PDB file of N, CA and C in Angstrom:
ATOM      1  N   MET A   1     172.566 170.689 114.560  1.00  0.00           N
ATOM      2  CA  MET A   1     173.456 170.507 113.437  1.00  0.00           C
ATOM      3  C   MET A   1     172.749 169.771 112.303  1.00  0.00           C
ATOM      4  N   GLY A   2     171.837 168.873 112.623  1.00  0.00           N
ATOM      5  CA  GLY A   2     171.109 168.123 111.619  1.00  0.00           C
ATOM      6  C   GLY A   2     170.350 169.026 110.667  1.00  0.00           C
ATOM      7  N   GLU A   3     169.762 170.093 111.205  1.00  0.00           N
ATOM      8  CA  GLU A   3     169.031 171.035 110.356  1.00  0.00           C
ATOM      9  C   GLU A   3     169.961 171.681 109.331  1.00  0.00           C
ATOM     10  N   PHE A   4     171.168 171.955 109.747  1.00  0.00           N
ATOM     11  CA  PHE A   4     172.156 172.569 108.866  1.00  0.00           C
ATOM     12  C   PHE A   4     172.397 171.676 107.658  1.00  0.00           C
ATOM     13  N   TYR A   5     172.608 170.379 107.893  1.00  0.00           N
ATOM     14  CA  TYR A   5     172.875 169.450 106.792  1.00  0.00           C
ATOM     15  C   TYR A   5     171.627 169.151 105.973  1.00  0.00           C
ATOM     16  N   ARG A   6     170.470 169.344 106.533  1.00  0.00           N
ATOM     17  CA  ARG A   6     169.242 169.141 105.766  1.00  0.00           C
ATOM     18  C   ARG A   6     169.097 170.167 104.648  1.00  0.00           C
ATOM     19  N   THR A   7     169.821 171.268 104.759  1.00  0.00           N
ATOM     20  CA  THR A   7     169.760 172.254 103.675  1.00  0.00           C
ATOM     21  C   THR A   7     170.324 171.673 102.379  1.00  0.00           C
ATOM     22  N   LEU A   8     171.115 170.603 102.483  1.00  0.00           N
ATOM     23  CA  LEU A   8     171.653 169.953 101.282  1.00  0.00           C
ATOM     24  C   LEU A   8     170.548 169.345 100.426  1.00  0.00           C
ATOM     25  N   GLU A   9     169.411 169.069 101.035  1.00  0.00           N
ATOM     26  CA  GLU A   9     168.293 168.456 100.318  1.00  0.00           C
ATOM     27  C   GLU A   9     167.489 169.473  99.519  1.00  0.00           C
ATOM     28  N   LEU A  10     167.709 170.749  99.782  1.00  0.00           N
ATOM     29  CA  LEU A  10     166.947 171.794  99.099  1.00  0.00           C
ATOM     30  C   LEU A  10     167.508 172.036  97.706  1.00  0.00           C
ATOM     31  N   PRO A  11     166.635 172.332  96.736  1.00  0.00           N
ATOM     32  CA  PRO A  11     167.120 172.613  95.384  1.00  0.00           C
ATOM     33  C   PRO A  11     167.785 173.988  95.320  1.00  0.00           C
ATOM     34  N   GLY A  12     168.549 174.195  94.267  1.00  0.00           N
ATOM     35  CA  GLY A  12     169.144 175.506  94.037  1.00  0.00           C
ATOM     36  C   GLY A  12     170.541 175.629  94.636  1.00  0.00           C
ATOM     37  N   ALA A  13     171.056 176.854  94.563  1.00  0.00           N
ATOM     38  CA  ALA A  13     172.403 177.147  95.055  1.00  0.00           C
ATOM     39  C   ALA A  13     172.486 176.881  96.558  1.00  0.00           C
ATOM     40  N   ASN A  14     173.640 176.346  96.973  1.00  0.00           N
ATOM     41  CA  ASN A  14     173.807 176.002  98.380  1.00  0.00           C
ATOM     42  C   ASN A  14     175.295 176.091  98.709  1.00  0.00           C
ATOM     43  N   ARG A  15     175.653 177.007  99.609  1.00  0.00           N
ATOM     44  CA  ARG A  15     177.062 177.219  99.957  1.00  0.00           C
ATOM     45  C   ARG A  15     177.669 175.985 100.606  1.00  0.00           C
ATOM     46  N   LEU A  16     176.887 175.272 101.415  1.00  0.00           N
ATOM     47  CA  LEU A  16     177.398 174.058 102.057  1.00  0.00           C
ATOM     48  C   LEU A  16     177.693 172.993 101.007  1.00  0.00           C
ATOM     49  N   ARG A  17     176.784 172.807 100.069  1.00  0.00           N
ATOM     50  CA  ARG A  17     176.994 171.827  98.996  1.00  0.00           C
ATOM     51  C   ARG A  17     178.253 172.181  98.201  1.00  0.00           C
ATOM     52  N   ASP A  18     178.423 173.472  97.899  1.00  0.00           N
ATOM     53  CA  ASP A  18     179.609 173.919  97.164  1.00  0.00           C
ATOM     54  C   ASP A  18     180.888 173.646  97.957  1.00  0.00           C
ATOM     55  N   ALA A  19     180.853 173.915  99.259  1.00  0.00           N
ATOM     56  CA  ALA A  19     182.028 173.689 100.106  1.00  0.00           C
ATOM     57  C   ALA A  19     182.353 172.200 100.195  1.00  0.00           C
ATOM     58  N   LEU A  20     181.335 171.355 100.332  1.00  0.00           N
ATOM     59  CA  LEU A  20     181.567 169.915 100.398  1.00  0.00           C
ATOM     60  C   LEU A  20     182.102 169.375  99.079  1.00  0.00           C
ATOM     61  N   ALA A  21     181.619 169.909  97.965  1.00  0.00           N
ATOM     62  CA  ALA A  21     182.126 169.496  96.653  1.00  0.00           C
ATOM     63  C   ALA A  21     183.594 169.895  96.504  1.00  0.00           C
ATOM     64  N   ALA A  22     183.947 171.089  96.974  1.00  0.00           N
ATOM     65  CA  ALA A  22     185.340 171.539  96.905  1.00  0.00           C
ATOM     66  C   ALA A  22     186.224 170.660  97.784  1.00  0.00           C
ATOM     67  N   LEU A  23     185.730 170.292  98.957  1.00  0.00           N
ATOM     68  CA  LEU A  23     186.481 169.400  99.845  1.00  0.00           C
ATOM     69  C   LEU A  23     186.672 168.036  99.188  1.00  0.00           C
ATOM     70  N   ASP A  24     185.632 167.494  98.581  1.00  0.00           N
ATOM     71  CA  ASP A  24     185.737 166.211  97.876  1.00  0.00           C
ATOM     72  C   ASP A  24     186.803 166.283  96.780  1.00  0.00           C
ATOM     73  N   ARG A  25     186.810 167.375  96.014  1.00  0.00           N
ATOM     74  CA  ARG A  25     187.803 167.523  94.944  1.00  0.00           C
ATOM     75  C   ARG A  25     189.221 167.574  95.518  1.00  0.00           C
ATOM     76  N   ALA A  26     189.404 168.309  96.611  1.00  0.00           N
ATOM     77  CA  ALA A  26     190.731 168.427  97.221  1.00  0.00           C
ATOM     78  C   ALA A  26     191.210 167.075  97.756  1.00  0.00           C
ATOM     79  N   VAL A  27     190.334 166.340  98.407  1.00  0.00           N
ATOM     80  CA  VAL A  27     190.706 165.022  98.930  1.00  0.00           C
ATOM     81  C   VAL A  27     191.024 164.078  97.784  1.00  0.00           C
ATOM     82  N   ARG A  28     190.189 164.114  96.751  1.00  0.00           N
ATOM     83  CA  ARG A  28     190.413 163.250  95.590  1.00  0.00           C
ATOM     84  C   ARG A  28     191.788 163.542  94.974  1.00  0.00           C
ATOM     85  N   GLU A  29     192.111 164.815  94.814  1.00  0.00           N
ATOM     86  CA  GLU A  29     193.418 165.181  94.252  1.00  0.00           C
ATOM     87  C   GLU A  29     194.555 164.695  95.157  1.00  0.00           C
ATOM     88  N   ALA A  30     194.408 164.883  96.462  1.00  0.00           N
ATOM     89  CA  ALA A  30     195.465 164.492  97.395  1.00  0.00           C
ATOM     90  C   ALA A  30     195.696 162.984  97.380  1.00  0.00           C
ATOM     91  N   TYR A  31     194.632 162.203  97.369  1.00  0.00           N
ATOM     92  CA  TYR A  31     194.773 160.750  97.404  1.00  0.00           C
ATOM     93  C   TYR A  31     195.200 160.171  96.066  1.00  0.00           C
ATOM     94  N   ARG A  32     194.869 160.828  94.988  1.00  0.00           N
ATOM     95  CA  ARG A  32     195.142 160.252  93.670  1.00  0.00           C
ATOM     96  C   ARG A  32     196.493 160.652  93.102  1.00  0.00           C
ATOM     97  N   TRP A  33     197.182 161.532  93.755  1.00  0.00           N
ATOM     98  CA  TRP A  33     198.472 161.960  93.254  1.00  0.00           C
ATOM     99  C   TRP A  33     199.376 160.744  93.132  1.00  0.00           C
ATOM    100  N   GLY A  34     199.886 160.505  91.937  1.00  0.00           N
ATOM    101  CA  GLY A  34     200.803 159.401  91.718  1.00  0.00           C
ATOM    102  C   GLY A  34     200.147 158.044  91.529  1.00  0.00           C
ATOM    103  N   LEU A  35     198.822 157.970  91.522  1.00  0.00           N
ATOM    104  CA  LEU A  35     198.146 156.690  91.344  1.00  0.00           C
ATOM    105  C   LEU A  35     198.002 156.360  89.865  1.00  0.00           C
ATOM    106  N   PRO A  36     197.939 155.060  89.540  1.00  0.00           N
ATOM    107  CA  PRO A  36     197.692 154.687  88.145  1.00  0.00           C
ATOM    108  C   PRO A  36     196.289 155.097  87.707  1.00  0.00           C
ATOM    109  N   GLY A  37     196.087 155.244  86.407  1.00  0.00           N
ATOM    110  CA  GLY A  37     194.840 155.743  85.843  1.00  0.00           C
ATOM    111  C   GLY A  37     193.595 155.010  86.278  1.00  0.00           C
ATOM    112  N   GLU A  38     193.688 153.667  86.424  1.00  0.00           N
ATOM    113  CA  GLU A  38     192.473 152.920  86.790  1.00  0.00           C
ATOM    114  C   GLU A  38     191.984 153.284  88.184  1.00  0.00           C
ATOM    115  N   LEU A  39     192.870 153.705  89.072  1.00  0.00           N
ATOM    116  CA  LEU A  39     192.443 154.132  90.408  1.00  0.00           C
ATOM    117  C   LEU A  39     191.986 155.584  90.405  1.00  0.00           C
ATOM    118  N   ARG A  40     192.655 156.437  89.641  1.00  0.00           N
ATOM    119  CA  ARG A  40     192.281 157.859  89.602  1.00  0.00           C
ATOM    120  C   ARG A  40     190.856 158.051  89.111  1.00  0.00           C
ATOM    121  N   ALA A  41     190.360 157.114  88.304  1.00  0.00           N
ATOM    122  CA  ALA A  41     189.027 157.252  87.720  1.00  0.00           C
ATOM    123  C   ALA A  41     187.914 156.894  88.695  1.00  0.00           C
ATOM    124  N   LEU A  42     188.246 156.281  89.824  1.00  0.00           N
ATOM    125  CA  LEU A  42     187.215 155.822  90.766  1.00  0.00           C
ATOM    126  C   LEU A  42     186.645 156.959  91.598  1.00  0.00           C
ATOM    127  N   GLU A  43     185.402 156.798  91.996  1.00  0.00           N
ATOM    128  CA  GLU A  43     184.775 157.714  92.953  1.00  0.00           C
ATOM    129  C   GLU A  43     185.406 157.474  94.332  1.00  0.00           C
ATOM    130  N   PRO A  44     185.220 158.389  95.305  1.00  0.00           N
ATOM    131  CA  PRO A  44     185.942 158.297  96.577  1.00  0.00           C
ATOM    132  C   PRO A  44     185.812 156.964  97.327  1.00  0.00           C
ATOM    133  N   LEU A  45     184.615 156.463  97.544  1.00  0.00           N
ATOM    134  CA  LEU A  45     184.492 155.231  98.335  1.00  0.00           C
ATOM    135  C   LEU A  45     185.080 154.016  97.628  1.00  0.00           C
ATOM    136  N   PRO A  46     184.795 153.798  96.339  1.00  0.00           N
ATOM    137  CA  PRO A  46     185.462 152.684  95.661  1.00  0.00           C
ATOM    138  C   PRO A  46     186.986 152.841  95.625  1.00  0.00           C
ATOM    139  N   LEU A  47     187.480 154.085  95.536  1.00  0.00           N
ATOM    140  CA  LEU A  47     188.917 154.326  95.547  1.00  0.00           C
ATOM    141  C   LEU A  47     189.516 153.874  96.877  1.00  0.00           C
ATOM    142  N   LEU A  48     188.901 154.295  97.982  1.00  0.00           N
ATOM    143  CA  LEU A  48     189.422 153.907  99.290  1.00  0.00           C
ATOM    144  C   LEU A  48     189.366 152.397  99.488  1.00  0.00           C
ATOM    145  N   LEU A  49     188.313 151.750  99.002  1.00  0.00           N
ATOM    146  CA  LEU A  49     188.213 150.292  99.089  1.00  0.00           C
ATOM    147  C   LEU A  49     189.337 149.641  98.278  1.00  0.00           C
ATOM    148  N   ALA A  50     189.582 150.135  97.061  1.00  0.00           N
ATOM    149  CA  ALA A  50     190.651 149.578  96.223  1.00  0.00           C
ATOM    150  C   ALA A  50     192.015 149.753  96.883  1.00  0.00           C
ATOM    151  N   LEU A  51     192.268 150.924  97.467  1.00  0.00           N
ATOM    152  CA  LEU A  51     193.537 151.151  98.162  1.00  0.00           C
ATOM    153  C   LEU A  51     193.668 150.215  99.359  1.00  0.00           C
ATOM    154  N   ASN A  52     192.576 150.024 100.093  1.00  0.00           N
ATOM    155  CA  ASN A  52     192.592 149.125 101.240  1.00  0.00           C
ATOM    156  C   ASN A  52     192.861 147.686 100.794  1.00  0.00           C
ATOM    157  N   GLN A  53     192.252 147.277  99.696  1.00  0.00           N
ATOM    158  CA  GLN A  53     192.475 145.920  99.192  1.00  0.00           C
ATOM    159  C   GLN A  53     193.928 145.728  98.767  1.00  0.00           C
ATOM    160  N   ARG A  54     194.529 146.740  98.160  1.00  0.00           N
ATOM    161  CA  ARG A  54     195.944 146.651  97.793  1.00  0.00           C
ATOM    162  C   ARG A  54     196.816 146.483  99.037  1.00  0.00           C
ATOM    163  N   CYS A  55     196.494 147.226 100.084  1.00  0.00           N
ATOM    164  CA  CYS A  55     197.252 147.092 101.336  1.00  0.00           C
ATOM    165  C   CYS A  55     197.077 145.697 101.926  1.00  0.00           C
ATOM    166  N   ALA A  56     195.860 145.165 101.880  1.00  0.00           N
ATOM    167  CA  ALA A  56     195.593 143.832 102.428  1.00  0.00           C
ATOM    168  C   ALA A  56     196.403 142.777 101.677  1.00  0.00           C
ATOM    169  N   VAL A  57     196.472 142.883 100.357  1.00  0.00           N
ATOM    170  CA  VAL A  57     197.252 141.920  99.559  1.00  0.00           C
ATOM    171  C   VAL A  57     198.734 142.036  99.907  1.00  0.00           C
ATOM    172  N   ALA A  58     199.246 143.268  99.989  1.00  0.00           N
ATOM    173  CA  ALA A  58     200.655 143.476 100.325  1.00  0.00           C
ATOM    174  C   ALA A  58     200.963 142.916 101.709  1.00  0.00           C
ATOM    175  N   GLU A  59     200.068 143.158 102.670  1.00  0.00           N
ATOM    176  CA  GLU A  59     200.261 142.658 104.030  1.00  0.00           C
ATOM    177  C   GLU A  59     200.233 141.129 104.040  1.00  0.00           C
ATOM    178  N   ARG A  60     199.289 140.537 103.306  1.00  0.00           N
ATOM    179  CA  ARG A  60     199.198 139.077 103.209  1.00  0.00           C
ATOM    180  C   ARG A  60     200.486 138.491 102.638  1.00  0.00           C
ATOM    181  N   ASP A  61     201.095 139.223 101.705  1.00  0.00           N
ATOM    182  CA  ASP A  61     202.319 138.759 101.062  1.00  0.00           C
ATOM    183  C   ASP A  61     203.575 139.068 101.874  1.00  0.00           C
ATOM    184  N   GLY A  62     203.372 139.560 103.109  1.00  0.00           N
ATOM    185  CA  GLY A  62     204.496 139.796 104.006  1.00  0.00           C
ATOM    186  C   GLY A  62     205.204 141.115 103.815  1.00  0.00           C
ATOM    187  N   LYS A  63     204.633 141.993 103.017  1.00  0.00           N
ATOM    188  CA  LYS A  63     205.246 143.301 102.807  1.00  0.00           C
ATOM    189  C   LYS A  63     204.883 144.230 103.959  1.00  0.00           C
ATOM    190  N   THR A  64     205.746 145.167 104.237  1.00  0.00           N
ATOM    191  CA  THR A  64     205.499 146.143 105.290  1.00  0.00           C
ATOM    192  C   THR A  64     204.545 147.214 104.785  1.00  0.00           C
ATOM    193  N   ILE A  65     203.547 147.526 105.570  1.00  0.00           N
ATOM    194  CA  ILE A  65     202.591 148.579 105.240  1.00  0.00           C
ATOM    195  C   ILE A  65     202.982 149.810 106.055  1.00  0.00           C
ATOM    196  N   ALA A  66     203.244 150.907 105.370  1.00  0.00           N
ATOM    197  CA  ALA A  66     203.607 152.151 106.054  1.00  0.00           C
ATOM    198  C   ALA A  66     202.336 152.877 106.464  1.00  0.00           C
ATOM    199  N   GLY A  67     202.155 153.052 107.750  1.00  0.00           N
ATOM    200  CA  GLY A  67     201.002 153.771 108.263  1.00  0.00           C
ATOM    201  C   GLY A  67     201.221 155.269 108.188  1.00  0.00           C
ATOM    202  N   PRO A  68     200.282 156.034 108.714  1.00  0.00           N
ATOM    203  CA  PRO A  68     200.432 157.487 108.695  1.00  0.00           C
ATOM    204  C   PRO A  68     201.558 157.937 109.624  1.00  0.00           C
ATOM    205  N   GLY A  69     202.042 159.104 109.379  1.00  0.00           N
ATOM    206  CA  GLY A  69     203.082 159.668 110.231  1.00  0.00           C
ATOM    207  C   GLY A  69     204.467 159.480 109.643  1.00  0.00           C
ATOM    208  N   LEU A  70     205.452 159.769 110.448  1.00  0.00           N
ATOM    209  CA  LEU A  70     206.839 159.669 110.003  1.00  0.00           C
ATOM    210  C   LEU A  70     207.278 158.212 109.921  1.00  0.00           C
ATOM    211  N   PRO A  71     208.156 157.895 108.978  1.00  0.00           N
ATOM    212  CA  PRO A  71     208.676 156.528 108.909  1.00  0.00           C
ATOM    213  C   PRO A  71     209.550 156.215 110.120  1.00  0.00           C
ATOM    214  N   ALA A  72     209.737 154.938 110.389  1.00  0.00           N
ATOM    215  CA  ALA A  72     210.455 154.489 111.588  1.00  0.00           C
ATOM    216  C   ALA A  72     211.861 155.058 111.682  1.00  0.00           C
ATOM    217  N   PHE A  73     212.539 155.261 110.547  1.00  0.00           N
ATOM    218  CA  PHE A  73     213.918 155.746 110.613  1.00  0.00           C
ATOM    219  C   PHE A  73     214.016 157.162 111.182  1.00  0.00           C
ATOM    220  N   CYS A  74     212.888 157.861 111.298  1.00  0.00           N
ATOM    221  CA  CYS A  74     212.888 159.218 111.853  1.00  0.00           C
ATOM    222  C   CYS A  74     212.729 159.227 113.373  1.00  0.00           C
ATOM    223  N   ALA A  75     212.426 158.078 113.967  1.00  0.00           N
ATOM    224  CA  ALA A  75     212.188 158.014 115.414  1.00  0.00           C
ATOM    225  C   ALA A  75     213.404 158.526 116.182  1.00  0.00           C
ATOM    226  N   GLY A  76     213.149 159.399 117.100  1.00  0.00           N
ATOM    227  CA  GLY A  76     214.205 159.931 117.942  1.00  0.00           C
ATOM    228  C   GLY A  76     215.012 161.051 117.308  1.00  0.00           C
ATOM    229  N   ASP A  77     214.755 161.381 116.072  1.00  0.00           N
ATOM    230  CA  ASP A  77     215.485 162.442 115.393  1.00  0.00           C
ATOM    231  C   ASP A  77     214.712 163.741 115.565  1.00  0.00           C
ATOM    232  N   GLY A  78     215.171 164.604 116.426  1.00  0.00           N
ATOM    233  CA  GLY A  78     214.481 165.840 116.761  1.00  0.00           C
ATOM    234  C   GLY A  78     214.264 166.784 115.586  1.00  0.00           C
ATOM    235  N   ARG A  79     214.996 166.583 114.486  1.00  0.00           N
ATOM    236  CA  ARG A  79     214.820 167.460 113.330  1.00  0.00           C
ATOM    237  C   ARG A  79     213.436 167.320 112.705  1.00  0.00           C
ATOM    238  N   PHE A  80     212.758 166.201 112.968  1.00  0.00           N
ATOM    239  CA  PHE A  80     211.464 165.934 112.357  1.00  0.00           C
ATOM    240  C   PHE A  80     210.299 166.240 113.291  1.00  0.00           C
ATOM    241  N   HIS A  81     210.569 166.842 114.422  1.00  0.00           N
ATOM    242  CA  HIS A  81     209.518 167.118 115.405  1.00  0.00           C
ATOM    243  C   HIS A  81     209.473 168.603 115.719  1.00  0.00           C
ATOM    244  N   SER A  82     208.308 169.043 116.110  1.00  0.00           N
ATOM    245  CA  SER A  82     208.114 170.455 116.417  1.00  0.00           C
ATOM    246  C   SER A  82     207.027 170.575 117.479  1.00  0.00           C
ATOM    247  N   ASP A  83     207.053 171.657 118.203  1.00  0.00           N
ATOM    248  CA  ASP A  83     205.953 171.907 119.146  1.00  0.00           C
ATOM    249  C   ASP A  83     204.981 172.923 118.542  1.00  0.00           C
ATOM    250  N   ASP A  84     205.070 173.111 117.243  1.00  0.00           N
ATOM    251  CA  ASP A  84     204.209 174.036 116.508  1.00  0.00           C
ATOM    252  C   ASP A  84     202.866 173.357 116.247  1.00  0.00           C
ATOM    253  N   CYS A  85     201.937 173.551 117.166  1.00  0.00           N
ATOM    254  CA  CYS A  85     200.634 172.912 117.032  1.00  0.00           C
ATOM    255  C   CYS A  85     199.577 173.714 117.795  1.00  0.00           C
ATOM    256  N   LEU A  86     198.339 173.363 117.552  1.00  0.00           N
ATOM    257  CA  LEU A  86     197.253 173.998 118.291  1.00  0.00           C
ATOM    258  C   LEU A  86     197.165 173.382 119.677  1.00  0.00           C
ATOM    259  N   ARG A  87     196.907 174.201 120.663  1.00  0.00           N
ATOM    260  CA  ARG A  87     196.788 173.717 122.034  1.00  0.00           C
ATOM    261  C   ARG A  87     195.533 174.319 122.664  1.00  0.00           C
ATOM    262  N   MET A  88     194.961 173.562 123.581  1.00  0.00           N
ATOM    263  CA  MET A  88     193.823 174.069 124.333  1.00  0.00           C
ATOM    264  C   MET A  88     194.326 175.154 125.275  1.00  0.00           C
ATOM    265  N   PRO A  89     193.572 176.230 125.429  1.00  0.00           N
ATOM    266  CA  PRO A  89     194.014 177.272 126.377  1.00  0.00           C
ATOM    267  C   PRO A  89     194.029 176.730 127.790  1.00  0.00           C
ATOM    268  N   GLU A  90     195.013 177.156 128.539  1.00  0.00           N
ATOM    269  CA  GLU A  90     195.093 176.738 129.942  1.00  0.00           C
ATOM    270  C   GLU A  90     194.049 177.484 130.746  1.00  0.00           C
ATOM    271  N   ARG A  91     193.503 176.830 131.730  1.00  0.00           N
ATOM    272  CA  ARG A  91     192.474 177.457 132.564  1.00  0.00           C
ATOM    273  C   ARG A  91     193.045 178.065 133.792  1.00  0.00           C
TER     274      ARG A  91
END
């Protein structure tokens, strides 16, 4: 796999580089939706650090930090759950 990523070091057109750039743009758009301008302007790593620092301040101030997934009020409510997922084939 290392050889595959080493192609990124070569000059010229590169499908992997193009795909990674497209992924970066998609992630940037997803994370920046609804953010104030000063955060939207940041590159990915500084953006994630700034978001993490905001969470740390909120947590320090006793505010609840919502993690990934459904909010607590959805617990036990079957309307928010599905078995529609990828599964390993049975042997």
